[in-house]
Amino acid sequence: MTKANEYRTILRQLDHWDAYLLQESGLPGPRGNIELAQVVADEGDEPLFQRYITYTVEAAPVNSPYEFLVFCGIVGLGRLLAEGDTAQLPT
């Protein structure tokens, strides 16, 4: 099983992802957990992504686990946009 598939299996078993994502974020450190962020983007939904992008720089400072939630939200909204959900674009 690949690491991405491990993450996918774990997330599908959890009702709330935040604590797990913060724990596995890879931050602080040299880089965030890009593989996990991609799985979040694949498995998550718009309300989750919208909630994650509301974190301010004060709540999610650079190189903190909370910054990883913002990153996941941005990647997830990008997936929705790539799938044709143009509601994500400003009007």
PDB file of N, CA and C in Angstrom:
ATOM      1  N   MET A   1       0.847  -1.178   0.000  1.00  0.00           N
ATOM      2  CA  MET A   1       0.000   0.000   0.000  1.00  0.00           C
ATOM      3  C   MET A   1       0.895   1.245   0.000  1.00  0.00           C
ATOM      4  N   THR A   2       0.585   2.178  -0.885  1.00  0.00           N
ATOM      5  CA  THR A   2       1.354   3.418  -0.941  1.00  0.00           C
ATOM      6  C   THR A   2       0.997   4.305   0.243  1.00  0.00           C
ATOM      7  N   LYS A   3       1.855   5.270   0.516  1.00  0.00           N
ATOM      8  CA  LYS A   3       1.593   6.210   1.609  1.00  0.00           C
ATOM      9  C   LYS A   3       0.290   6.967   1.353  1.00  0.00           C
ATOM     10  N   ALA A   4       0.048   7.356   0.109  1.00  0.00           N
ATOM     11  CA  ALA A   4      -1.196   8.061  -0.220  1.00  0.00           C
ATOM     12  C   ALA A   4      -2.404   7.185   0.081  1.00  0.00           C
ATOM     13  N   ASN A   5      -2.331   5.919  -0.250  1.00  0.00           N
ATOM     14  CA  ASN A   5      -3.449   5.019   0.042  1.00  0.00           C
ATOM     15  C   ASN A   5      -3.631   4.824   1.538  1.00  0.00           C
ATOM     16  N   GLU A   6      -2.526   4.805   2.289  1.00  0.00           N
ATOM     17  CA  GLU A   6      -2.624   4.741   3.753  1.00  0.00           C
ATOM     18  C   GLU A   6      -3.375   5.964   4.278  1.00  0.00           C
ATOM     19  N   TYR A   7      -2.981   7.142   3.801  1.00  0.00           N
ATOM     20  CA  TYR A   7      -3.654   8.372   4.232  1.00  0.00           C
ATOM     21  C   TYR A   7      -5.139   8.330   3.873  1.00  0.00           C
ATOM     22  N   ARG A   8      -5.442   7.886   2.677  1.00  0.00           N
ATOM     23  CA  ARG A   8      -6.830   7.818   2.211  1.00  0.00           C
ATOM     24  C   ARG A   8      -7.656   6.905   3.127  1.00  0.00           C
ATOM     25  N   THR A   9      -7.114   5.757   3.469  1.00  0.00           N
ATOM     26  CA  THR A   9      -7.803   4.810   4.344  1.00  0.00           C
ATOM     27  C   THR A   9      -8.057   5.423   5.715  1.00  0.00           C
ATOM     28  N   ILE A  10      -7.050   6.083   6.257  1.00  0.00           N
ATOM     29  CA  ILE A  10      -7.194   6.705   7.577  1.00  0.00           C
ATOM     30  C   ILE A  10      -8.236   7.808   7.538  1.00  0.00           C
ATOM     31  N   LEU A  11      -8.160   8.710   6.559  1.00  0.00           N
ATOM     32  CA  LEU A  11      -9.112   9.822   6.496  1.00  0.00           C
ATOM     33  C   LEU A  11     -10.543   9.330   6.341  1.00  0.00           C
ATOM     34  N   ARG A  12     -10.737   8.282   5.577  1.00  0.00           N
ATOM     35  CA  ARG A  12     -12.089   7.748   5.387  1.00  0.00           C
ATOM     36  C   ARG A  12     -12.666   7.166   6.673  1.00  0.00           C
ATOM     37  N   GLN A  13     -11.809   6.849   7.631  1.00  0.00           N
ATOM     38  CA  GLN A  13     -12.269   6.301   8.904  1.00  0.00           C
ATOM     39  C   GLN A  13     -12.518   7.379   9.952  1.00  0.00           C
ATOM     40  N   LEU A  14     -12.072   8.591   9.686  1.00  0.00           N
ATOM     41  CA  LEU A  14     -12.192   9.682  10.655  1.00  0.00           C
ATOM     42  C   LEU A  14     -13.399  10.563  10.353  1.00  0.00           C
ATOM     43  N   ASP A  15     -14.090  10.981  11.414  1.00  0.00           N
ATOM     44  CA  ASP A  15     -15.182  11.943  11.254  1.00  0.00           C
ATOM     45  C   ASP A  15     -14.638  13.362  11.099  1.00  0.00           C
ATOM     46  N   HIS A  16     -13.560  13.655  11.807  1.00  0.00           N
ATOM     47  CA  HIS A  16     -12.944  14.983  11.776  1.00  0.00           C
ATOM     48  C   HIS A  16     -11.463  14.810  11.468  1.00  0.00           C
ATOM     49  N   TRP A  17     -10.995  15.546  10.503  1.00  0.00           N
ATOM     50  CA  TRP A  17      -9.635  15.361  10.004  1.00  0.00           C
ATOM     51  C   TRP A  17      -8.598  16.287  10.630  1.00  0.00           C
ATOM     52  N   ASP A  18      -9.010  17.393  11.212  1.00  0.00           N
ATOM     53  CA  ASP A  18      -8.064  18.439  11.596  1.00  0.00           C
ATOM     54  C   ASP A  18      -6.916  17.936  12.466  1.00  0.00           C
ATOM     55  N   ALA A  19      -7.206  17.232  13.540  1.00  0.00           N
ATOM     56  CA  ALA A  19      -6.149  16.780  14.454  1.00  0.00           C
ATOM     57  C   ALA A  19      -5.148  15.887  13.731  1.00  0.00           C
ATOM     58  N   TYR A  20      -5.648  14.998  12.897  1.00  0.00           N
ATOM     59  CA  TYR A  20      -4.755  14.107  12.151  1.00  0.00           C
ATOM     60  C   TYR A  20      -3.888  14.903  11.181  1.00  0.00           C
ATOM     61  N   LEU A  21      -4.485  15.844  10.474  1.00  0.00           N
ATOM     62  CA  LEU A  21      -3.722  16.643   9.514  1.00  0.00           C
ATOM     63  C   LEU A  21      -2.661  17.481  10.211  1.00  0.00           C
ATOM     64  N   LEU A  22      -3.009  18.049  11.353  1.00  0.00           N
ATOM     65  CA  LEU A  22      -2.032  18.839  12.096  1.00  0.00           C
ATOM     66  C   LEU A  22      -0.868  17.964  12.559  1.00  0.00           C
ATOM     67  N   GLN A  23      -1.175  16.765  13.005  1.00  0.00           N
ATOM     68  CA  GLN A  23      -0.149  15.832  13.480  1.00  0.00           C
ATOM     69  C   GLN A  23       0.765  15.368  12.350  1.00  0.00           C
ATOM     70  N   GLU A  24       0.196  15.139  11.182  1.00  0.00           N
ATOM     71  CA  GLU A  24       0.946  14.581  10.054  1.00  0.00           C
ATOM     72  C   GLU A  24       1.409  15.632   9.049  1.00  0.00           C
ATOM     73  N   SER A  25       1.253  16.902   9.384  1.00  0.00           N
ATOM     74  CA  SER A  25       1.531  17.987   8.438  1.00  0.00           C
ATOM     75  C   SER A  25       2.984  18.050   7.976  1.00  0.00           C
ATOM     76  N   GLY A  26       3.892  17.598   8.811  1.00  0.00           N
ATOM     77  CA  GLY A  26       5.313  17.748   8.499  1.00  0.00           C
ATOM     78  C   GLY A  26       5.864  19.099   8.909  1.00  0.00           C
ATOM     79  N   LEU A  27       5.021  19.930   9.499  1.00  0.00           N
ATOM     80  CA  LEU A  27       5.437  21.262   9.926  1.00  0.00           C
ATOM     81  C   LEU A  27       5.395  21.366  11.447  1.00  0.00           C
ATOM     82  N   PRO A  28       6.305  22.105  12.049  1.00  0.00           N
ATOM     83  CA  PRO A  28       7.392  22.796  11.380  1.00  0.00           C
ATOM     84  C   PRO A  28       8.404  21.800  10.827  1.00  0.00           C
ATOM     85  N   GLY A  29       9.037  22.209   9.779  1.00  0.00           N
ATOM     86  CA  GLY A  29      10.013  21.343   9.133  1.00  0.00           C
ATOM     87  C   GLY A  29      10.359  21.865   7.763  1.00  0.00           C
ATOM     88  N   PRO A  30      11.170  21.114   7.025  1.00  0.00           N
ATOM     89  CA  PRO A  30      11.634  21.583   5.723  1.00  0.00           C
ATOM     90  C   PRO A  30      10.547  21.633   4.654  1.00  0.00           C
ATOM     91  N   ARG A  31       9.499  20.804   4.788  1.00  0.00           N
ATOM     92  CA  ARG A  31       8.401  20.870   3.815  1.00  0.00           C
ATOM     93  C   ARG A  31       7.162  20.230   4.409  1.00  0.00           C
ATOM     94  N   GLY A  32       6.016  20.725   3.968  1.00  0.00           N
ATOM     95  CA  GLY A  32       4.754  20.125   4.378  1.00  0.00           C
ATOM     96  C   GLY A  32       4.559  18.776   3.707  1.00  0.00           C
ATOM     97  N   ASN A  33       3.602  18.038   4.188  1.00  0.00           N
ATOM     98  CA  ASN A  33       3.309  16.696   3.688  1.00  0.00           C
ATOM     99  C   ASN A  33       2.459  16.807   2.417  1.00  0.00           C
ATOM    100  N   ILE A  34       3.129  16.929   1.290  1.00  0.00           N
ATOM    101  CA  ILE A  34       2.459  17.148   0.009  1.00  0.00           C
ATOM    102  C   ILE A  34       1.569  15.967  -0.366  1.00  0.00           C
ATOM    103  N   GLU A  35       2.018  14.757  -0.072  1.00  0.00           N
ATOM    104  CA  GLU A  35       1.218  13.569  -0.393  1.00  0.00           C
ATOM    105  C   GLU A  35      -0.111  13.596   0.355  1.00  0.00           C
ATOM    106  N   LEU A  36      -0.058  13.952   1.639  1.00  0.00           N
ATOM    107  CA  LEU A  36      -1.284  14.031   2.429  1.00  0.00           C
ATOM    108  C   LEU A  36      -2.181  15.152   1.915  1.00  0.00           C
ATOM    109  N   ALA A  37      -1.607  16.285   1.559  1.00  0.00           N
ATOM    110  CA  ALA A  37      -2.403  17.395   1.032  1.00  0.00           C
ATOM    111  C   ALA A  37      -3.151  16.981  -0.229  1.00  0.00           C
ATOM    112  N   GLN A  38      -2.515  16.206  -1.089  1.00  0.00           N
ATOM    113  CA  GLN A  38      -3.179  15.749  -2.309  1.00  0.00           C
ATOM    114  C   GLN A  38      -4.340  14.819  -1.982  1.00  0.00           C
ATOM    115  N   VAL A  39      -4.168  13.954  -0.994  1.00  0.00           N
ATOM    116  CA  VAL A  39      -5.258  13.058  -0.590  1.00  0.00           C
ATOM    117  C   VAL A  39      -6.411  13.869  -0.005  1.00  0.00           C
ATOM    118  N   VAL A  40      -6.098  14.876   0.797  1.00  0.00           N
ATOM    119  CA  VAL A  40      -7.148  15.746   1.339  1.00  0.00           C
ATOM    120  C   VAL A  40      -7.901  16.410   0.190  1.00  0.00           C
ATOM    121  N   ALA A  41      -7.181  16.899  -0.803  1.00  0.00           N
ATOM    122  CA  ALA A  41      -7.822  17.528  -1.964  1.00  0.00           C
ATOM    123  C   ALA A  41      -8.717  16.541  -2.700  1.00  0.00           C
ATOM    124  N   ASP A  42      -8.283  15.299  -2.802  1.00  0.00           N
ATOM    125  CA  ASP A  42      -9.069  14.276  -3.500  1.00  0.00           C
ATOM    126  C   ASP A  42     -10.301  13.848  -2.715  1.00  0.00           C
ATOM    127  N   GLU A  43     -10.186  13.779  -1.401  1.00  0.00           N
ATOM    128  CA  GLU A  43     -11.245  13.208  -0.562  1.00  0.00           C
ATOM    129  C   GLU A  43     -12.161  14.253   0.077  1.00  0.00           C
ATOM    130  N   GLY A  44     -11.679  15.480   0.191  1.00  0.00           N
ATOM    131  CA  GLY A  44     -12.441  16.511   0.882  1.00  0.00           C
ATOM    132  C   GLY A  44     -13.525  17.125   0.018  1.00  0.00           C
ATOM    133  N   ASP A  45     -14.265  18.053   0.633  1.00  0.00           N
ATOM    134  CA  ASP A  45     -15.347  18.724  -0.077  1.00  0.00           C
ATOM    135  C   ASP A  45     -15.227  20.238   0.095  1.00  0.00           C
ATOM    136  N   GLU A  46     -16.051  20.956  -0.639  1.00  0.00           N
ATOM    137  CA  GLU A  46     -15.956  22.413  -0.638  1.00  0.00           C
ATOM    138  C   GLU A  46     -16.075  23.031   0.751  1.00  0.00           C
ATOM    139  N   PRO A  47     -17.043  22.627   1.587  1.00  0.00           N
ATOM    140  CA  PRO A  47     -17.107  23.254   2.919  1.00  0.00           C
ATOM    141  C   PRO A  47     -15.815  23.087   3.728  1.00  0.00           C
ATOM    142  N   LEU A  48     -15.189  21.931   3.616  1.00  0.00           N
ATOM    143  CA  LEU A  48     -13.924  21.711   4.318  1.00  0.00           C
ATOM    144  C   LEU A  48     -12.857  22.656   3.780  1.00  0.00           C
ATOM    145  N   PHE A  49     -12.731  22.722   2.470  1.00  0.00           N
ATOM    146  CA  PHE A  49     -11.715  23.582   1.862  1.00  0.00           C
ATOM    147  C   PHE A  49     -11.966  25.048   2.206  1.00  0.00           C
ATOM    148  N   GLN A  50     -13.211  25.472   2.162  1.00  0.00           N
ATOM    149  CA  GLN A  50     -13.543  26.859   2.496  1.00  0.00           C
ATOM    150  C   GLN A  50     -13.185  27.170   3.949  1.00  0.00           C
ATOM    151  N   ARG A  51     -13.427  26.222   4.831  1.00  0.00           N
ATOM    152  CA  ARG A  51     -13.083  26.434   6.246  1.00  0.00           C
ATOM    153  C   ARG A  51     -11.571  26.559   6.413  1.00  0.00           C
ATOM    154  N   TYR A  52     -10.825  25.716   5.724  1.00  0.00           N
ATOM    155  CA  TYR A  52      -9.370  25.751   5.868  1.00  0.00           C
ATOM    156  C   TYR A  52      -8.764  27.052   5.351  1.00  0.00           C
ATOM    157  N   ILE A  53      -9.331  27.632   4.316  1.00  0.00           N
ATOM    158  CA  ILE A  53      -8.718  28.859   3.783  1.00  0.00           C
ATOM    159  C   ILE A  53      -9.088  30.099   4.595  1.00  0.00           C
ATOM    160  N   THR A  54      -9.932  29.951   5.608  1.00  0.00           N
ATOM    161  CA  THR A  54     -10.275  31.108   6.440  1.00  0.00           C
ATOM    162  C   THR A  54      -9.228  31.413   7.503  1.00  0.00           C
ATOM    163  N   TYR A  55      -8.278  30.502   7.714  1.00  0.00           N
ATOM    164  CA  TYR A  55      -7.239  30.761   8.712  1.00  0.00           C
ATOM    165  C   TYR A  55      -6.392  31.950   8.282  1.00  0.00           C
ATOM    166  N   THR A  56      -6.208  32.883   9.186  1.00  0.00           N
ATOM    167  CA  THR A  56      -5.374  34.055   8.920  1.00  0.00           C
ATOM    168  C   THR A  56      -3.913  33.714   9.198  1.00  0.00           C
ATOM    169  N   VAL A  57      -3.028  34.610   8.807  1.00  0.00           N
ATOM    170  CA  VAL A  57      -1.608  34.399   9.066  1.00  0.00           C
ATOM    171  C   VAL A  57      -1.334  34.390  10.573  1.00  0.00           C
ATOM    172  N   GLU A  58      -2.167  35.065  11.343  1.00  0.00           N
ATOM    173  CA  GLU A  58      -1.998  35.046  12.799  1.00  0.00           C
ATOM    174  C   GLU A  58      -2.371  33.676  13.370  1.00  0.00           C
ATOM    175  N   ALA A  59      -3.415  33.078  12.833  1.00  0.00           N
ATOM    176  CA  ALA A  59      -3.860  31.757  13.303  1.00  0.00           C
ATOM    177  C   ALA A  59      -3.044  30.629  12.691  1.00  0.00           C
ATOM    178  N   ALA A  60      -2.481  30.886  11.522  1.00  0.00           N
ATOM    179  CA  ALA A  60      -1.723  29.855  10.801  1.00  0.00           C
ATOM    180  C   ALA A  60      -0.396  30.433  10.325  1.00  0.00           C
ATOM    181  N   PRO A  61       0.517  30.712  11.263  1.00  0.00           N
ATOM    182  CA  PRO A  61       1.781  31.325  10.861  1.00  0.00           C
ATOM    183  C   PRO A  61       2.625  30.409   9.975  1.00  0.00           C
ATOM    184  N   VAL A  62       3.534  31.026   9.266  1.00  0.00           N
ATOM    185  CA  VAL A  62       4.430  30.296   8.369  1.00  0.00           C
ATOM    186  C   VAL A  62       5.137  29.179   9.135  1.00  0.00           C
ATOM    187  N   ASN A  63       5.216  28.020   8.491  1.00  0.00           N
ATOM    188  CA  ASN A  63       5.897  26.829   9.007  1.00  0.00           C
ATOM    189  C   ASN A  63       5.221  26.244  10.251  1.00  0.00           C
ATOM    190  N   SER A  64       3.937  26.508  10.408  1.00  0.00           N
ATOM    191  CA  SER A  64       3.184  25.896  11.507  1.00  0.00           C
ATOM    192  C   SER A  64       2.244  24.841  10.933  1.00  0.00           C
ATOM    193  N   PRO A  65       1.832  23.880  11.744  1.00  0.00           N
ATOM    194  CA  PRO A  65       0.880  22.882  11.251  1.00  0.00           C
ATOM    195  C   PRO A  65      -0.412  23.504  10.720  1.00  0.00           C
ATOM    196  N   TYR A  66      -0.836  24.636  11.282  1.00  0.00           N
ATOM    197  CA  TYR A  66      -2.070  25.263  10.801  1.00  0.00           C
ATOM    198  C   TYR A  66      -1.916  25.829   9.395  1.00  0.00           C
ATOM    199  N   GLU A  67      -0.701  26.210   9.033  1.00  0.00           N
ATOM    200  CA  GLU A  67      -0.465  26.651   7.656  1.00  0.00           C
ATOM    201  C   GLU A  67      -0.758  25.501   6.687  1.00  0.00           C
ATOM    202  N   PHE A  68      -0.527  24.273   7.125  1.00  0.00           N
ATOM    203  CA  PHE A  68      -0.799  23.100   6.296  1.00  0.00           C
ATOM    204  C   PHE A  68      -2.289  22.993   5.981  1.00  0.00           C
ATOM    205  N   LEU A  69      -3.152  23.334   6.937  1.00  0.00           N
ATOM    206  CA  LEU A  69      -4.594  23.293   6.668  1.00  0.00           C
ATOM    207  C   LEU A  69      -4.957  24.271   5.555  1.00  0.00           C
ATOM    208  N   VAL A  70      -4.371  25.454   5.592  1.00  0.00           N
ATOM    209  CA  VAL A  70      -4.621  26.441   4.536  1.00  0.00           C
ATOM    210  C   VAL A  70      -4.163  25.883   3.190  1.00  0.00           C
ATOM    211  N   PHE A  71      -2.987  25.287   3.168  1.00  0.00           N
ATOM    212  CA  PHE A  71      -2.456  24.687   1.944  1.00  0.00           C
ATOM    213  C   PHE A  71      -3.414  23.626   1.411  1.00  0.00           C
ATOM    214  N   CYS A  72      -3.915  22.770   2.294  1.00  0.00           N
ATOM    215  CA  CYS A  72      -4.872  21.730   1.874  1.00  0.00           C
ATOM    216  C   CYS A  72      -6.127  22.361   1.282  1.00  0.00           C
ATOM    217  N   GLY A  73      -6.605  23.439   1.894  1.00  0.00           N
ATOM    218  CA  GLY A  73      -7.784  24.118   1.373  1.00  0.00           C
ATOM    219  C   GLY A  73      -7.561  24.684  -0.015  1.00  0.00           C
ATOM    220  N   ILE A  74      -6.399  25.260  -0.235  1.00  0.00           N
ATOM    221  CA  ILE A  74      -6.088  25.834  -1.546  1.00  0.00           C
ATOM    222  C   ILE A  74      -5.971  24.743  -2.604  1.00  0.00           C
ATOM    223  N   VAL A  75      -5.282  23.665  -2.274  1.00  0.00           N
ATOM    224  CA  VAL A  75      -5.142  22.559  -3.229  1.00  0.00           C
ATOM    225  C   VAL A  75      -6.516  21.952  -3.523  1.00  0.00           C
ATOM    226  N   GLY A  76      -7.341  21.814  -2.491  1.00  0.00           N
ATOM    227  CA  GLY A  76      -8.678  21.255  -2.681  1.00  0.00           C
ATOM    228  C   GLY A  76      -9.559  22.130  -3.557  1.00  0.00           C
ATOM    229  N   LEU A  77      -9.529  23.441  -3.326  1.00  0.00           N
ATOM    230  CA  LEU A  77     -10.308  24.338  -4.179  1.00  0.00           C
ATOM    231  C   LEU A  77      -9.781  24.309  -5.608  1.00  0.00           C
ATOM    232  N   GLY A  78      -8.485  24.143  -5.765  1.00  0.00           N
ATOM    233  CA  GLY A  78      -7.914  23.989  -7.102  1.00  0.00           C
ATOM    234  C   GLY A  78      -8.460  22.765  -7.814  1.00  0.00           C
ATOM    235  N   ARG A  79      -8.627  21.675  -7.069  1.00  0.00           N
ATOM    236  CA  ARG A  79      -9.213  20.471  -7.674  1.00  0.00           C
ATOM    237  C   ARG A  79     -10.628  20.752  -8.143  1.00  0.00           C
ATOM    238  N   LEU A  80     -11.420  21.419  -7.304  1.00  0.00           N
ATOM    239  CA  LEU A  80     -12.800  21.730  -7.693  1.00  0.00           C
ATOM    240  C   LEU A  80     -12.824  22.598  -8.947  1.00  0.00           C
ATOM    241  N   LEU A  81     -11.952  23.581  -9.005  1.00  0.00           N
ATOM    242  CA  LEU A  81     -11.872  24.455 -10.175  1.00  0.00           C
ATOM    243  C   LEU A  81     -11.478  23.656 -11.415  1.00  0.00           C
ATOM    244  N   ALA A  82     -10.500  22.775 -11.269  1.00  0.00           N
ATOM    245  CA  ALA A  82     -10.062  21.946 -12.401  1.00  0.00           C
ATOM    246  C   ALA A  82     -11.176  21.024 -12.889  1.00  0.00           C
ATOM    247  N   GLU A  83     -12.084  20.664 -11.983  1.00  0.00           N
ATOM    248  CA  GLU A  83     -13.222  19.820 -12.357  1.00  0.00           C
ATOM    249  C   GLU A  83     -14.366  20.633 -12.958  1.00  0.00           C
ATOM    250  N   GLY A  84     -14.181  21.953 -13.065  1.00  0.00           N
ATOM    251  CA  GLY A  84     -15.181  22.790 -13.707  1.00  0.00           C
ATOM    252  C   GLY A  84     -16.067  23.573 -12.769  1.00  0.00           C
ATOM    253  N   ASP A  85     -15.793  23.541 -11.475  1.00  0.00           N
ATOM    254  CA  ASP A  85     -16.597  24.283 -10.503  1.00  0.00           C
ATOM    255  C   ASP A  85     -16.155  25.741 -10.511  1.00  0.00           C
ATOM    256  N   THR A  86     -16.680  26.503 -11.447  1.00  0.00           N
ATOM    257  CA  THR A  86     -16.268  27.900 -11.588  1.00  0.00           C
ATOM    258  C   THR A  86     -16.844  28.798 -10.502  1.00  0.00           C
ATOM    259  N   ALA A  87     -17.684  28.260  -9.637  1.00  0.00           N
ATOM    260  CA  ALA A  87     -18.193  29.039  -8.509  1.00  0.00           C
ATOM    261  C   ALA A  87     -17.045  29.449  -7.586  1.00  0.00           C
ATOM    262  N   GLN A  88     -15.909  28.785  -7.718  1.00  0.00           N
ATOM    263  CA  GLN A  88     -14.747  29.110  -6.891  1.00  0.00           C
ATOM    264  C   GLN A  88     -14.044  30.384  -7.350  1.00  0.00           C
ATOM    265  N   LEU A  89     -14.373  30.854  -8.551  1.00  0.00           N
ATOM    266  CA  LEU A  89     -13.747  32.062  -9.080  1.00  0.00           C
ATOM    267  C   LEU A  89     -14.479  33.294  -8.583  1.00  0.00           C
ATOM    268  N   PRO A  90     -13.736  34.354  -8.259  1.00  0.00           N
ATOM    269  CA  PRO A  90     -14.403  35.593  -7.855  1.00  0.00           C
ATOM    270  C   PRO A  90     -15.200  36.171  -9.023  1.00  0.00           C
ATOM    271  N   THR A  91     -16.278  36.828  -8.704  1.00  0.00           N
ATOM    272  CA  THR A  91     -17.112  37.421  -9.761  1.00  0.00           C
ATOM    273  C   THR A  91     -16.858  38.898  -9.891  1.00  0.00           C
TER     274      THR A  91
END
